[in-house]
PDB file of N, CA and C in Angstrom:
ATOM      1  N   MET A   1      17.516  -2.520   7.994  1.00  0.00           N
ATOM      2  CA  MET A   1      17.433  -2.294   6.217  1.00  0.00           C
ATOM      3  C   MET A   1      16.318  -1.570   6.529  1.00  0.00           C
ATOM      4  N   LYS A   2      17.101  -0.050   6.276  1.00  0.00           N
ATOM      5  CA  LYS A   2      16.053   0.673   5.620  1.00  0.00           C
ATOM      6  C   LYS A   2      15.913   0.743   3.741  1.00  0.00           C
ATOM      7  N   SER A   3      14.385   0.638   3.945  1.00  0.00           N
ATOM      8  CA  SER A   3      13.616   0.359   2.995  1.00  0.00           C
ATOM      9  C   SER A   3      13.672   1.382   1.687  1.00  0.00           C
ATOM     10  N   GLU A   4      13.803   1.862   0.224  1.00  0.00           N
ATOM     11  CA  GLU A   4      13.325   3.385  -0.317  1.00  0.00           C
ATOM     12  C   GLU A   4      12.662   2.392  -1.301  1.00  0.00           C
ATOM     13  N   ILE A   5      11.568   2.667  -1.294  1.00  0.00           N
ATOM     14  CA  ILE A   5      10.971   1.694  -2.892  1.00  0.00           C
ATOM     15  C   ILE A   5      10.575   3.522  -4.221  1.00  0.00           C
ATOM     16  N   CYS A   6      11.180   3.179  -5.002  1.00  0.00           N
ATOM     17  CA  CYS A   6      11.395   4.433  -6.278  1.00  0.00           C
ATOM     18  C   CYS A   6      10.240   3.398  -7.552  1.00  0.00           C
ATOM     19  N   LEU A   7       9.393   4.001  -7.681  1.00  0.00           N
ATOM     20  CA  LEU A   7       8.363   3.657  -8.806  1.00  0.00           C
ATOM     21  C   LEU A   7       8.986   4.002 -10.353  1.00  0.00           C
ATOM     22  N   THR A   8       8.526   2.912 -11.060  1.00  0.00           N
ATOM     23  CA  THR A   8       8.737   3.197 -12.149  1.00  0.00           C
ATOM     24  C   THR A   8       7.592   2.788 -13.188  1.00  0.00           C
ATOM     25  N   ILE A   9       6.625   3.956 -13.092  1.00  0.00           N
ATOM     26  CA  ILE A   9       5.675   3.935 -13.237  1.00  0.00           C
ATOM     27  C   ILE A   9       4.877   4.853 -15.002  1.00  0.00           C
ATOM     28  N   ASN A  10       5.430   4.509 -16.086  1.00  0.00           N
ATOM     29  CA  ASN A  10       5.050   4.755 -17.733  1.00  0.00           C
ATOM     30  C   ASN A  10       6.205   5.635 -17.490  1.00  0.00           C
ATOM     31  N   ASN A  11       7.240   5.421 -17.353  1.00  0.00           N
ATOM     32  CA  ASN A  11       9.113   5.614 -18.366  1.00  0.00           C
ATOM     33  C   ASN A  11       9.080   6.984 -17.213  1.00  0.00           C
ATOM     34  N   ALA A  12       8.279   7.143 -15.901  1.00  0.00           N
ATOM     35  CA  ALA A  12       8.693   8.416 -15.010  1.00  0.00           C
ATOM     36  C   ALA A  12       9.168   7.573 -13.513  1.00  0.00           C
ATOM     37  N   GLY A  13      10.227   8.633 -13.588  1.00  0.00           N
ATOM     38  CA  GLY A  13      11.080   7.687 -11.551  1.00  0.00           C
ATOM     39  C   GLY A  13      10.028   8.637 -10.583  1.00  0.00           C
ATOM     40  N   LEU A  14       8.964   8.042  -9.739  1.00  0.00           N
ATOM     41  CA  LEU A  14       8.241   8.185  -8.650  1.00  0.00           C
ATOM     42  C   LEU A  14       9.417   7.898  -7.809  1.00  0.00           C
ATOM     43  N   CYS A  15       9.643   8.812  -6.399  1.00  0.00           N
ATOM     44  CA  CYS A  15      10.067   7.946  -5.434  1.00  0.00           C
ATOM     45  C   CYS A  15       8.727   8.746  -3.621  1.00  0.00           C
ATOM     46  N   PRO A  16       7.568   8.421  -3.937  1.00  0.00           N
ATOM     47  CA  PRO A  16       6.849   8.764  -2.695  1.00  0.00           C
ATOM     48  C   PRO A  16       6.920   7.838  -1.447  1.00  0.00           C
ATOM     49  N   PHE A  17       7.333   6.639  -1.645  1.00  0.00           N
ATOM     50  CA  PHE A  17       7.466   6.104  -1.200  1.00  0.00           C
ATOM     51  C   PHE A  17       8.197   5.438  -0.295  1.00  0.00           C
ATOM     52  N   LYS A  18       9.542   6.528   0.661  1.00  0.00           N
ATOM     53  CA  LYS A  18      11.071   6.434   0.362  1.00  0.00           C
ATOM     54  C   LYS A  18      11.280   6.612   1.903  1.00  0.00           C
ATOM     55  N   GLY A  19      11.425   4.908   2.201  1.00  0.00           N
ATOM     56  CA  GLY A  19      11.181   4.656   3.937  1.00  0.00           C
ATOM     57  C   GLY A  19       9.732   4.717   4.259  1.00  0.00           C
ATOM     58  N   LEU A  20       9.005   4.544   3.161  1.00  0.00           N
ATOM     59  CA  LEU A  20       7.363   4.169   4.119  1.00  0.00           C
ATOM     60  C   LEU A  20       7.058   2.663   4.390  1.00  0.00           C
ATOM     61  N   ASN A  21       7.669   1.502   3.755  1.00  0.00           N
ATOM     62  CA  ASN A  21       7.931   0.132   3.633  1.00  0.00           C
ATOM     63  C   ASN A  21       8.029   0.006   5.311  1.00  0.00           C
ATOM     64  N   ARG A  22       8.870   0.298   5.564  1.00  0.00           N
ATOM     65  CA  ARG A  22       9.493   0.145   7.306  1.00  0.00           C
ATOM     66  C   ARG A  22       8.643   0.781   8.296  1.00  0.00           C
ATOM     67  N   GLU A  23       8.212   2.132   7.786  1.00  0.00           N
ATOM     68  CA  GLU A  23       7.225   2.979   8.922  1.00  0.00           C
ATOM     69  C   GLU A  23       5.927   2.316   9.295  1.00  0.00           C
ATOM     70  N   ILE A  24       5.490   1.855   7.760  1.00  0.00           N
ATOM     71  CA  ILE A  24       4.704   0.800   8.252  1.00  0.00           C
ATOM     72  C   ILE A  24       4.386  -0.219   8.708  1.00  0.00           C
ATOM     73  N   THR A  25       5.732  -1.356   8.570  1.00  0.00           N
ATOM     74  CA  THR A  25       5.489  -2.523   8.771  1.00  0.00           C
ATOM     75  C   THR A  25       5.798  -2.017  10.300  1.00  0.00           C
ATOM     76  N   ILE A  26       6.308  -1.344  10.980  1.00  0.00           N
ATOM     77  CA  ILE A  26       6.110  -1.412  12.794  1.00  0.00           C
ATOM     78  C   ILE A  26       5.487  -0.978  12.960  1.00  0.00           C
ATOM     79  N   ILE A  27       3.919  -0.130  12.216  1.00  0.00           N
ATOM     80  CA  ILE A  27       2.887   0.656  13.053  1.00  0.00           C
ATOM     81  C   ILE A  27       2.092  -0.918  12.928  1.00  0.00           C
ATOM     82  N   ILE A  28       2.373  -1.607  12.014  1.00  0.00           N
ATOM     83  CA  ILE A  28       1.357  -2.848  12.212  1.00  0.00           C
ATOM     84  C   ILE A  28       1.464  -3.919  12.844  1.00  0.00           C
ATOM     85  N   THR A  29       3.103  -3.786  12.495  1.00  0.00           N
ATOM     86  CA  THR A  29       3.412  -4.841  13.564  1.00  0.00           C
ATOM     87  C   THR A  29       3.208  -4.325  15.668  1.00  0.00           C
ATOM     88  N   GLN A  30       3.440  -3.251  15.486  1.00  0.00           N
ATOM     89  CA  GLN A  30       2.927  -3.363  17.372  1.00  0.00           C
ATOM     90  C   GLN A  30       0.939  -3.102  17.137  1.00  0.00           C
ATOM     91  N   MET A  31       0.872  -2.567  16.022  1.00  0.00           N
ATOM     92  CA  MET A  31      -0.378  -2.919  16.636  1.00  0.00           C
ATOM     93  C   MET A  31      -1.165  -4.252  16.967  1.00  0.00           C
ATOM     94  N   GLU A  32      -0.419  -5.167  16.144  1.00  0.00           N
ATOM     95  CA  GLU A  32      -1.003  -6.432  16.526  1.00  0.00           C
ATOM     96  C   GLU A  32      -0.522  -6.812  17.800  1.00  0.00           C
ATOM     97  N   LEU A  33       0.916  -6.323  17.832  1.00  0.00           N
ATOM     98  CA  LEU A  33       0.995  -6.675  19.536  1.00  0.00           C
ATOM     99  C   LEU A  33       0.703  -6.883  20.661  1.00  0.00           C
ATOM    100  N   MET A  34       0.087  -5.735  20.124  1.00  0.00           N
ATOM    101  CA  MET A  34      -1.038  -4.415  21.330  1.00  0.00           C
ATOM    102  C   MET A  34      -2.391  -4.742  20.781  1.00  0.00           C
ATOM    103  N   GLY A  35      -3.166  -6.206  20.277  1.00  0.00           N
ATOM    104  CA  GLY A  35      -4.290  -6.381  19.319  1.00  0.00           C
ATOM    105  C   GLY A  35      -5.094  -5.721  19.236  1.00  0.00           C
ATOM    106  N   ILE A  36      -3.995  -4.896  19.005  1.00  0.00           N
ATOM    107  CA  ILE A  36      -4.933  -3.442  17.633  1.00  0.00           C
ATOM    108  C   ILE A  36      -4.834  -4.443  16.692  1.00  0.00           C
ATOM    109  N   SER A  37      -6.639  -4.489  15.866  1.00  0.00           N
ATOM    110  CA  SER A  37      -6.629  -4.779  14.331  1.00  0.00           C
ATOM    111  C   SER A  37      -6.320  -3.404  13.124  1.00  0.00           C
ATOM    112  N   PRO A  38      -5.066  -4.092  12.240  1.00  0.00           N
ATOM    113  CA  PRO A  38      -4.808  -3.189  11.912  1.00  0.00           C
ATOM    114  C   PRO A  38      -5.688  -2.323  10.125  1.00  0.00           C
ATOM    115  N   VAL A  39      -6.621  -3.628  10.304  1.00  0.00           N
ATOM    116  CA  VAL A  39      -7.931  -3.299   9.430  1.00  0.00           C
ATOM    117  C   VAL A  39      -7.831  -1.591   8.341  1.00  0.00           C
ATOM    118  N   PRO A  40      -8.419  -0.810   9.789  1.00  0.00           N
ATOM    119  CA  PRO A  40      -8.575   0.222   9.677  1.00  0.00           C
ATOM    120  C   PRO A  40      -7.357   1.029   9.246  1.00  0.00           C
ATOM    121  N   PHE A  41      -6.528   1.064   9.920  1.00  0.00           N
ATOM    122  CA  PHE A  41      -5.368   1.466   9.254  1.00  0.00           C
ATOM    123  C   PHE A  41      -5.386   1.149   7.676  1.00  0.00           C
ATOM    124  N   LEU A  42      -5.235  -0.140   7.479  1.00  0.00           N
ATOM    125  CA  LEU A  42      -4.985   0.352   5.849  1.00  0.00           C
ATOM    126  C   LEU A  42      -5.954   0.443   5.291  1.00  0.00           C
ATOM    127  N   LYS A  43      -7.263   0.334   5.795  1.00  0.00           N
ATOM    128  CA  LYS A  43      -8.218   1.476   4.582  1.00  0.00           C
ATOM    129  C   LYS A  43      -7.429   2.774   4.695  1.00  0.00           C
ATOM    130  N   ILE A  44      -7.366   3.389   5.949  1.00  0.00           N
ATOM    131  CA  ILE A  44      -6.999   5.018   5.621  1.00  0.00           C
ATOM    132  C   ILE A  44      -5.680   5.043   4.869  1.00  0.00           C
ATOM    133  N   ALA A  45      -4.728   4.305   4.771  1.00  0.00           N
ATOM    134  CA  ALA A  45      -3.553   4.326   4.131  1.00  0.00           C
ATOM    135  C   ALA A  45      -3.804   3.391   2.273  1.00  0.00           C
ATOM    136  N   ALA A  46      -5.004   2.930   1.955  1.00  0.00           N
ATOM    137  CA  ALA A  46      -5.081   2.817   0.929  1.00  0.00           C
ATOM    138  C   ALA A  46      -6.342   4.132   0.018  1.00  0.00           C
ATOM    139  N   GLN A  47      -6.868   5.126   1.117  1.00  0.00           N
ATOM    140  CA  GLN A  47      -8.079   5.917   0.468  1.00  0.00           C
ATOM    141  C   GLN A  47      -6.791   6.884   0.495  1.00  0.00           C
ATOM    142  N   ASP A  48      -6.398   7.255   1.143  1.00  0.00           N
ATOM    143  CA  ASP A  48      -4.943   7.654   1.422  1.00  0.00           C
ATOM    144  C   ASP A  48      -4.168   7.886  -0.663  1.00  0.00           C
ATOM    145  N   LEU A  49      -3.841   6.198  -0.514  1.00  0.00           N
ATOM    146  CA  LEU A  49      -3.148   6.550  -1.710  1.00  0.00           C
ATOM    147  C   LEU A  49      -3.593   6.880  -3.205  1.00  0.00           C
ATOM    148  N   LEU A  50      -5.621   6.673  -2.757  1.00  0.00           N
ATOM    149  CA  LEU A  50      -6.310   6.987  -4.211  1.00  0.00           C
ATOM    150  C   LEU A  50      -6.175   8.397  -4.043  1.00  0.00           C
ATOM    151  N   ASN A  51      -6.722   8.702  -2.874  1.00  0.00           N
ATOM    152  CA  ASN A  51      -6.697  10.536  -3.402  1.00  0.00           C
ATOM    153  C   ASN A  51      -5.205  10.925  -3.584  1.00  0.00           C
ATOM    154  N   GLN A  52      -4.334  10.159  -3.330  1.00  0.00           N
ATOM    155  CA  GLN A  52      -2.637  11.029  -3.964  1.00  0.00           C
ATOM    156  C   GLN A  52      -2.421  10.788  -5.319  1.00  0.00           C
ATOM    157  N   TYR A  53      -2.920   9.082  -5.715  1.00  0.00           N
ATOM    158  CA  TYR A  53      -2.822   9.015  -6.786  1.00  0.00           C
ATOM    159  C   TYR A  53      -3.814   8.570  -8.219  1.00  0.00           C
ATOM    160  N   GLY A  54      -4.917   8.412  -7.337  1.00  0.00           N
ATOM    161  CA  GLY A  54      -6.195   7.898  -8.432  1.00  0.00           C
ATOM    162  C   GLY A  54      -6.056   7.105  -8.489  1.00  0.00           C
ATOM    163  N   ARG A  55      -6.341   6.305 -10.049  1.00  0.00           N
ATOM    164  CA  ARG A  55      -6.325   5.765 -10.312  1.00  0.00           C
ATOM    165  C   ARG A  55      -4.896   5.087 -10.658  1.00  0.00           C
ATOM    166  N   ASN A  56      -4.309   5.405 -10.628  1.00  0.00           N
ATOM    167  CA  ASN A  56      -2.534   5.555 -10.466  1.00  0.00           C
ATOM    168  C   ASN A  56      -2.164   4.359  -9.097  1.00  0.00           C
ATOM    169  N   ALA A  57      -2.905   4.540  -7.762  1.00  0.00           N
ATOM    170  CA  ALA A  57      -3.115   4.056  -6.545  1.00  0.00           C
ATOM    171  C   ALA A  57      -2.425   2.929  -6.443  1.00  0.00           C
ATOM    172  N   LEU A  58      -3.381   1.542  -7.125  1.00  0.00           N
ATOM    173  CA  LEU A  58      -3.681  -0.032  -7.546  1.00  0.00           C
ATOM    174  C   LEU A  58      -1.666  -0.382  -8.052  1.00  0.00           C
ATOM    175  N   GLY A  59      -1.522   0.122  -9.102  1.00  0.00           N
ATOM    176  CA  GLY A  59      -0.967   0.073  -9.877  1.00  0.00           C
ATOM    177  C   GLY A  59       0.125   0.277  -9.118  1.00  0.00           C
ATOM    178  N   TYR A  60       0.088   1.117  -7.737  1.00  0.00           N
ATOM    179  CA  TYR A  60       1.908   1.520  -7.467  1.00  0.00           C
ATOM    180  C   TYR A  60       1.513   0.435  -6.379  1.00  0.00           C
ATOM    181  N   ALA A  61       0.448   0.661  -5.999  1.00  0.00           N
ATOM    182  CA  ALA A  61       0.844  -0.346  -4.943  1.00  0.00           C
ATOM    183  C   ALA A  61       1.275  -1.940  -5.736  1.00  0.00           C
ATOM    184  N   TYR A  62       0.649  -2.523  -6.763  1.00  0.00           N
ATOM    185  CA  TYR A  62       1.598  -3.126  -7.784  1.00  0.00           C
ATOM    186  C   TYR A  62       2.872  -3.696  -7.367  1.00  0.00           C
ATOM    187  N   GLU A  63       3.492  -2.601  -7.976  1.00  0.00           N
ATOM    188  CA  GLU A  63       5.000  -1.986  -8.005  1.00  0.00           C
ATOM    189  C   GLU A  63       6.079  -1.963  -6.970  1.00  0.00           C
ATOM    190  N   ILE A  64       4.886  -2.174  -5.352  1.00  0.00           N
ATOM    191  CA  ILE A  64       5.228  -1.683  -4.426  1.00  0.00           C
ATOM    192  C   ILE A  64       5.689  -3.490  -3.908  1.00  0.00           C
ATOM    193  N   ILE A  65       4.835  -4.047  -3.910  1.00  0.00           N
ATOM    194  CA  ILE A  65       4.921  -5.733  -3.716  1.00  0.00           C
ATOM    195  C   ILE A  65       5.735  -6.452  -4.355  1.00  0.00           C
ATOM    196  N   LYS A  66       5.948  -6.070  -5.922  1.00  0.00           N
ATOM    197  CA  LYS A  66       7.130  -6.005  -6.424  1.00  0.00           C
ATOM    198  C   LYS A  66       8.573  -6.222  -5.922  1.00  0.00           C
ATOM    199  N   SER A  67       8.131  -4.469  -5.734  1.00  0.00           N
ATOM    200  CA  SER A  67       9.635  -4.334  -4.990  1.00  0.00           C
ATOM    201  C   SER A  67      10.252  -4.793  -3.998  1.00  0.00           C
ATOM    202  N   SER A  68       9.106  -5.305  -2.885  1.00  0.00           N
ATOM    203  CA  SER A  68       9.088  -5.150  -1.073  1.00  0.00           C
ATOM    204  C   SER A  68       9.673  -7.104  -1.843  1.00  0.00           C
ATOM    205  N   ARG A  69       8.952  -7.755  -2.581  1.00  0.00           N
ATOM    206  CA  ARG A  69       8.801  -8.985  -2.688  1.00  0.00           C
ATOM    207  C   ARG A  69      10.755  -8.939  -3.438  1.00  0.00           C
ATOM    208  N   THR A  70      11.464  -8.770  -4.320  1.00  0.00           N
ATOM    209  CA  THR A  70      12.184  -8.588  -4.429  1.00  0.00           C
ATOM    210  C   THR A  70      13.527  -8.185  -3.268  1.00  0.00           C
ATOM    211  N   GLN A  71      13.237  -7.118  -2.692  1.00  0.00           N
ATOM    212  CA  GLN A  71      14.244  -7.376  -1.563  1.00  0.00           C
ATOM    213  C   GLN A  71      13.809  -7.944  -0.610  1.00  0.00           C
ATOM    214  N   GLY A  72      12.852  -9.307  -0.815  1.00  0.00           N
ATOM    215  CA  GLY A  72      12.592 -10.026   0.209  1.00  0.00           C
ATOM    216  C   GLY A  72      12.210  -9.882   1.494  1.00  0.00           C
ATOM    217  N   ASN A  73      11.365  -8.429   1.422  1.00  0.00           N
ATOM    218  CA  ASN A  73      10.927  -7.759   2.684  1.00  0.00           C
ATOM    219  C   ASN A  73       9.001  -8.818   2.360  1.00  0.00           C
ATOM    220  N   GLN A  74       8.966 -10.260   2.739  1.00  0.00           N
ATOM    221  CA  GLN A  74       7.794 -10.616   2.819  1.00  0.00           C
ATOM    222  C   GLN A  74       6.801  -9.836   3.301  1.00  0.00           C
ATOM    223  N   GLN A  75       6.753  -9.128   4.665  1.00  0.00           N
ATOM    224  CA  GLN A  75       5.730  -8.128   5.210  1.00  0.00           C
ATOM    225  C   GLN A  75       5.400  -7.392   5.100  1.00  0.00           C
ATOM    226  N   ALA A  76       6.083  -7.076   4.455  1.00  0.00           N
ATOM    227  CA  ALA A  76       5.493  -5.578   3.291  1.00  0.00           C
ATOM    228  C   ALA A  76       5.165  -5.791   2.343  1.00  0.00           C
ATOM    229  N   ALA A  77       5.486  -6.671   1.723  1.00  0.00           N
ATOM    230  CA  ALA A  77       4.534  -7.052   0.408  1.00  0.00           C
ATOM    231  C   ALA A  77       3.004  -7.407   1.361  1.00  0.00           C
ATOM    232  N   GLN A  78       3.312  -8.469   2.272  1.00  0.00           N
ATOM    233  CA  GLN A  78       1.633  -8.621   2.190  1.00  0.00           C
ATOM    234  C   GLN A  78       0.968  -7.694   3.006  1.00  0.00           C
ATOM    235  N   ILE A  79       1.593  -6.762   3.587  1.00  0.00           N
ATOM    236  CA  ILE A  79       0.756  -5.264   4.564  1.00  0.00           C
ATOM    237  C   ILE A  79       0.657  -4.826   2.606  1.00  0.00           C
ATOM    238  N   TRP A  80       0.972  -4.544   2.062  1.00  0.00           N
ATOM    239  CA  TRP A  80       0.946  -3.779   0.510  1.00  0.00           C
ATOM    240  C   TRP A  80       0.047  -4.750   0.057  1.00  0.00           C
ATOM    241  N   THR A  81      -0.209  -5.740   0.220  1.00  0.00           N
ATOM    242  CA  THR A  81      -1.636  -6.797  -0.480  1.00  0.00           C
ATOM    243  C   THR A  81      -2.439  -6.646   0.272  1.00  0.00           C
ATOM    244  N   ASN A  82      -3.190  -6.432   1.498  1.00  0.00           N
ATOM    245  CA  ASN A  82      -3.914  -6.029   2.103  1.00  0.00           C
ATOM    246  C   ASN A  82      -4.164  -4.268   1.728  1.00  0.00           C
ATOM    247  N   ILE A  83      -2.893  -3.616   1.226  1.00  0.00           N
ATOM    248  CA  ILE A  83      -3.867  -2.494   0.621  1.00  0.00           C
ATOM    249  C   ILE A  83      -3.861  -2.507  -0.691  1.00  0.00           C
ATOM    250  N   ALA A  84      -3.650  -2.816  -1.104  1.00  0.00           N
ATOM    251  CA  ALA A  84      -3.958  -3.429  -2.800  1.00  0.00           C
ATOM    252  C   ALA A  84      -5.808  -3.983  -2.512  1.00  0.00           C
ATOM    253  N   GLN A  85      -6.148  -5.024  -1.834  1.00  0.00           N
ATOM    254  CA  GLN A  85      -7.320  -5.577  -2.287  1.00  0.00           C
ATOM    255  C   GLN A  85      -8.393  -3.753  -1.597  1.00  0.00           C
ATOM    256  N   HIS A  86      -8.043  -3.550  -0.497  1.00  0.00           N
ATOM    257  CA  HIS A  86      -8.840  -2.267  -0.219  1.00  0.00           C
ATOM    258  C   HIS A  86      -8.447  -1.336  -1.370  1.00  0.00           C
ATOM    259  N   LEU A  87      -7.913  -0.396  -1.762  1.00  0.00           N
ATOM    260  CA  LEU A  87      -7.493   0.048  -3.640  1.00  0.00           C
ATOM    261  C   LEU A  87      -9.144  -1.247  -4.443  1.00  0.00           C
ATOM    262  N   ASN A  88      -8.710  -2.289  -4.170  1.00  0.00           N
ATOM    263  CA  ASN A  88      -9.436  -2.941  -5.999  1.00  0.00           C
ATOM    264  C   ASN A  88     -11.371  -2.713  -5.040  1.00  0.00           C
ATOM    265  N   VAL A  89     -11.065  -2.702  -4.046  1.00  0.00           N
ATOM    266  CA  VAL A  89     -12.875  -2.786  -2.559  1.00  0.00           C
ATOM    267  C   VAL A  89     -12.768  -1.095  -3.362  1.00  0.00           C
ATOM    268  N   SER A  90     -12.293  -0.185  -2.791  1.00  0.00           N
ATOM    269  CA  SER A  90     -12.470   0.535  -3.682  1.00  0.00           C
ATOM    270  C   SER A  90     -12.927   0.828  -4.823  1.00  0.00           C
ATOM    271  N   ARG A  91     -12.029   0.417  -5.798  1.00  0.00           N
ATOM    272  CA  ARG A  91     -11.904   0.695  -7.864  1.00  0.00           C
ATOM    273  C   ARG A  91     -13.815  -0.135  -7.627  1.00  0.00           C
ATOM    274  N   ASP A  92     -13.965  -1.243  -7.154  1.00  0.00           N
ATOM    275  CA  ASP A  92     -15.609  -1.646  -7.152  1.00  0.00           C
ATOM    276  C   ASP A  92     -16.385  -1.312  -7.079  1.00  0.00           C
ATOM    277  N   LYS A  93     -16.416  -0.034  -6.432  1.00  0.00           N
ATOM    278  CA  LYS A  93     -17.560   0.671  -5.465  1.00  0.00           C
ATOM    279  C   LYS A  93     -17.452   1.675  -6.411  1.00  0.00           C
ATOM    280  N   GLU A  94     -16.786   1.911  -7.265  1.00  0.00           N
ATOM    281  CA  GLU A  94     -16.921   3.448  -7.728  1.00  0.00           C
ATOM    282  C   GLU A  94     -17.824   3.125  -8.910  1.00  0.00           C
ATOM    283  N   GLY A  95     -16.958   1.620  -9.758  1.00  0.00           N
ATOM    284  CA  GLY A  95     -18.534   1.314 -10.736  1.00  0.00           C
ATOM    285  C   GLY A  95     -19.979   1.024 -10.494  1.00  0.00           C
ATOM    286  N   SER A  96     -20.115   0.272  -8.708  1.00  0.00           N
ATOM    287  CA  SER A  96     -21.213   0.377  -8.718  1.00  0.00           C
ATOM    288  C   SER A  96     -22.326   1.987  -8.742  1.00  0.00           C
ATOM    289  N   ILE A  97     -23.433   1.193  -9.067  1.00  0.00           N
ATOM    290  CA  ILE A  97     -24.871   2.401  -8.092  1.00  0.00           C
ATOM    291  C   ILE A  97     -25.285   1.877  -7.264  1.00  0.00           C
ATOM    292  N   THR A  98     -25.318   3.157  -6.391  1.00  0.00           N
ATOM    293  CA  THR A  98     -25.980   2.298  -4.889  1.00  0.00           C
ATOM    294  C   THR A  98     -27.714   3.927  -4.934  1.00  0.00           C
ATOM    295  N   HIS A  99     -28.759   3.034  -4.369  1.00  0.00           N
ATOM    296  CA  HIS A  99     -29.609   4.152  -4.938  1.00  0.00           C
ATOM    297  C   HIS A  99     -29.907   3.936  -2.720  1.00  0.00           C
TER     298      HIS A  99
END
């Protein structure tokens, strides 16, 4: 089953994640089968999403989680939950001041 995720944020239809859920799920599954931690990949995915969509990135991630769950794709929902957690960490760090 090829999933297509289209987001409706602020009444704008966006389809930047066409087929992406399936691809990320395959990559993460293959990494785990080979004993490779997917954490660095998830951080890169979160950073890329942040670079492309700025403050909207977290909202997009939540929309994808919701859509994945609606489609019954719990594995994709979990992967995007992990990406959202990395986005939350990035957002929290953005507000902090370091010396």
